Amino acid sequence: MNALKLAHIDEPLLEFRFGQKLVYLSLLIDIRDPQIAIADLRKRRDELQTQLHKIYRIAPHTDSSAYGKAQDALKNKEDLTFSDAEIDAFLPDPLKRNRTR
C-alpha cells in the first residue's frame, strides 16, 4: 500500500480510534458510579465493542514483513523522531526550546 493511500484510509480511522480511548475511559469512570445501572453499563459496553469491531474491519491489515519494516524504521532509521525546530513549530512560544526574542 502506498503512503498516500494509507494516509487517506488512516486519518479518519485514527481520529475514531483515539476518540474511542476517551469513550472507554468515560465508561470506566461510569462503572464506579453506583447510580448507573449495570444493565446500562452492559449496553454501553456492547455498543463500544460493536464500534471497535467496525474499526478492525476497516483498518489496514499487516503481516510480519510489514511489521519488521516498521520496527526497523522506528529503531534504526529513527523515523518518527523530530528535531527541536520541528517540535517548536507546534508549541506555543513559552514552551519552545529555541525561543525567538
C-alpha atoms as a PDB file:
ATOM      1  CA  MET A   1       0.000   0.000   0.000  1.00  0.00           C
ATOM      2  CA  ASN A   2       1.479   3.351  -0.922  1.00  0.00           C
ATOM      3  CA  ALA A   3       1.741   6.178   1.600  1.00  0.00           C
ATOM      4  CA  LEU A   4      -0.961   8.336   0.015  1.00  0.00           C
ATOM      5  CA  LYS A   5      -3.497   5.552   0.046  1.00  0.00           C
ATOM      6  CA  LEU A   6      -2.565   4.632   3.610  1.00  0.00           C
ATOM      7  CA  ALA A   7      -2.842   8.238   4.793  1.00  0.00           C
ATOM      8  CA  HIS A   8      -6.249   8.531   3.154  1.00  0.00           C
ATOM      9  CA  ILE A   9      -7.513   5.430   4.963  1.00  0.00           C
ATOM     10  CA  ASP A  10      -5.824   6.012   8.287  1.00  0.00           C
ATOM     11  CA  GLU A  11      -6.757   9.612   9.067  1.00  0.00           C
ATOM     12  CA  PRO A  12     -10.448   9.052   9.857  1.00  0.00           C
ATOM     13  CA  LEU A  13      -9.610   5.687  11.363  1.00  0.00           C
ATOM     14  CA  LEU A  14      -7.076   7.189  13.749  1.00  0.00           C
ATOM     15  CA  GLU A  15      -9.394  10.006  14.774  1.00  0.00           C
ATOM     16  CA  PHE A  16     -12.130   7.482  15.520  1.00  0.00           C
ATOM     17  CA  ARG A  17      -9.763   5.134  17.317  1.00  0.00           C
ATOM     18  CA  PHE A  18      -8.261   7.790  19.611  1.00  0.00           C
ATOM     19  CA  GLY A  19     -11.756   9.063  20.347  1.00  0.00           C
ATOM     20  CA  GLN A  20     -12.614   5.527  21.402  1.00  0.00           C
ATOM     21  CA  LYS A  21      -9.939   5.617  24.103  1.00  0.00           C
ATOM     22  CA  LEU A  22     -11.690   8.567  25.708  1.00  0.00           C
ATOM     23  CA  VAL A  23     -15.040   6.820  25.466  1.00  0.00           C
ATOM     24  CA  TYR A  24     -13.627   3.738  27.212  1.00  0.00           C
ATOM     25  CA  LEU A  25     -12.135   5.924  29.918  1.00  0.00           C
ATOM     26  CA  SER A  26     -15.534   7.509  30.399  1.00  0.00           C
ATOM     27  CA  LEU A  27     -17.095   4.049  30.690  1.00  0.00           C
ATOM     28  CA  LEU A  28     -14.564   3.079  33.348  1.00  0.00           C
ATOM     29  CA  ILE A  29     -15.491   6.186  35.320  1.00  0.00           C
ATOM     30  CA  ASP A  30     -19.196   5.379  34.941  1.00  0.00           C
ATOM     31  CA  ILE A  31     -18.609   1.877  36.298  1.00  0.00           C
ATOM     32  CA  ARG A  32     -17.588   3.445  39.605  1.00  0.00           C
ATOM     33  CA  ASP A  33     -20.826   5.449  39.785  1.00  0.00           C
ATOM     34  CA  PRO A  34     -23.345   3.493  41.897  1.00  0.00           C
ATOM     35  CA  GLN A  35     -26.251   5.429  40.354  1.00  0.00           C
ATOM     36  CA  ILE A  36     -25.681   3.937  36.898  1.00  0.00           C
ATOM     37  CA  ALA A  37     -27.477   0.634  36.412  1.00  0.00           C
ATOM     38  CA  ILE A  38     -25.464  -2.450  35.484  1.00  0.00           C
ATOM     39  CA  ALA A  39     -27.798  -3.036  32.528  1.00  0.00           C
ATOM     40  CA  ASP A  40     -26.982   0.439  31.175  1.00  0.00           C
ATOM     41  CA  LEU A  41     -23.256  -0.182  31.593  1.00  0.00           C
ATOM     42  CA  ARG A  42     -23.508  -3.500  29.755  1.00  0.00           C
ATOM     43  CA  LYS A  43     -25.473  -1.880  26.940  1.00  0.00           C
ATOM     44  CA  ARG A  44     -22.821   0.826  26.575  1.00  0.00           C
ATOM     45  CA  ARG A  45     -20.044  -1.781  26.667  1.00  0.00           C
ATOM     46  CA  ASP A  46     -21.773  -3.756  23.901  1.00  0.00           C
ATOM     47  CA  GLU A  47     -22.142  -0.600  21.784  1.00  0.00           C
ATOM     48  CA  LEU A  48     -18.438   0.138  22.199  1.00  0.00           C
ATOM     49  CA  GLN A  49     -17.485  -3.401  21.226  1.00  0.00           C
ATOM     50  CA  THR A  50     -19.604  -3.109  18.078  1.00  0.00           C
ATOM     51  CA  GLN A  51     -17.820   0.141  17.185  1.00  0.00           C
ATOM     52  CA  LEU A  52     -14.441  -1.444  17.857  1.00  0.00           C
ATOM     53  CA  HIS A  53     -15.218  -4.330  15.503  1.00  0.00           C
ATOM     54  CA  LYS A  54     -16.077  -1.767  12.815  1.00  0.00           C
ATOM     55  CA  ILE A  55     -12.655  -0.190  13.330  1.00  0.00           C
ATOM     56  CA  TYR A  56     -10.912  -3.531  12.975  1.00  0.00           C
ATOM     57  CA  ARG A  57     -12.834  -4.308   9.772  1.00  0.00           C
ATOM     58  CA  ILE A  58     -11.682  -1.104   8.020  1.00  0.00           C
ATOM     59  CA  ALA A  59      -8.168  -0.989   9.480  1.00  0.00           C
ATOM     60  CA  PRO A  60      -5.346  -1.831   7.067  1.00  0.00           C
ATOM     61  CA  HIS A  61      -4.028  -5.319   7.596  1.00  0.00           C
ATOM     62  CA  THR A  62      -0.355  -6.108   8.047  1.00  0.00           C
ATOM     63  CA  ASP A  63       1.936  -9.089   8.000  1.00  0.00           C
ATOM     64  CA  SER A  64       5.212  -9.979   9.675  1.00  0.00           C
ATOM     65  CA  SER A  65       7.232  -8.436   6.830  1.00  0.00           C
ATOM     66  CA  ALA A  66       5.495  -5.060   7.157  1.00  0.00           C
ATOM     67  CA  TYR A  67       5.793  -5.237  10.931  1.00  0.00           C
ATOM     68  CA  GLY A  68       9.531  -5.901  10.631  1.00  0.00           C
ATOM     69  CA  LYS A  69       9.996  -2.954   8.269  1.00  0.00           C
ATOM     70  CA  ALA A  70       8.139  -0.627  10.626  1.00  0.00           C
ATOM     71  CA  GLN A  71      10.130  -1.892  13.594  1.00  0.00           C
ATOM     72  CA  ASP A  72      13.407  -1.326  11.712  1.00  0.00           C
ATOM     73  CA  ALA A  73      12.331   2.183  10.698  1.00  0.00           C
ATOM     74  CA  LEU A  74      11.475   3.102  14.273  1.00  0.00           C
ATOM     75  CA  LYS A  75      14.538   1.532  15.895  1.00  0.00           C
ATOM     76  CA  ASN A  76      17.312   2.032  13.362  1.00  0.00           C
ATOM     77  CA  LYS A  77      16.271   4.774  10.977  1.00  0.00           C
ATOM     78  CA  GLU A  78      14.767   6.940  13.713  1.00  0.00           C
ATOM     79  CA  ASP A  79      11.545   7.532  11.813  1.00  0.00           C
ATOM     80  CA  LEU A  80       9.059   9.466  13.890  1.00  0.00           C
ATOM     81  CA  THR A  81      11.790  11.401  15.630  1.00  0.00           C
ATOM     82  CA  PHE A  82      11.783  15.149  15.317  1.00  0.00           C
ATOM     83  CA  SER A  83      14.343  17.911  15.577  1.00  0.00           C
ATOM     84  CA  ASP A  84      13.884  20.681  18.144  1.00  0.00           C
ATOM     85  CA  ALA A  85      12.897  23.046  15.335  1.00  0.00           C
ATOM     86  CA  GLU A  86      10.201  20.646  14.107  1.00  0.00           C
ATOM     87  CA  ILE A  87       8.807  20.261  17.627  1.00  0.00           C
ATOM     88  CA  ASP A  88       8.987  24.007  18.252  1.00  0.00           C
ATOM     89  CA  ALA A  89       6.763  24.600  15.225  1.00  0.00           C
ATOM     90  CA  PHE A  90       3.866  23.012  17.149  1.00  0.00           C
ATOM     91  CA  LEU A  91       4.485  24.605  20.544  1.00  0.00           C
ATOM     92  CA  PRO A  92       3.488  27.974  21.984  1.00  0.00           C
ATOM     93  CA  ASP A  93       6.450  30.340  22.484  1.00  0.00           C
ATOM     94  CA  PRO A  94       6.930  29.761  26.241  1.00  0.00           C
ATOM     95  CA  LEU A  95       7.434  26.017  25.648  1.00  0.00           C
ATOM     96  CA  LYS A  96       9.817  26.256  22.692  1.00  0.00           C
ATOM     97  CA  ARG A  97      13.427  25.235  23.167  1.00  0.00           C
ATOM     98  CA  ASN A  98      14.724  27.765  20.664  1.00  0.00           C
ATOM     99  CA  ARG A  99      12.688  30.806  21.609  1.00  0.00           C
ATOM    100  CA  THR A 100      12.910  33.866  19.443  1.00  0.00           C
ATOM    101  CA  ARG A 101      13.095  37.090  21.397  1.00  0.00           C
END
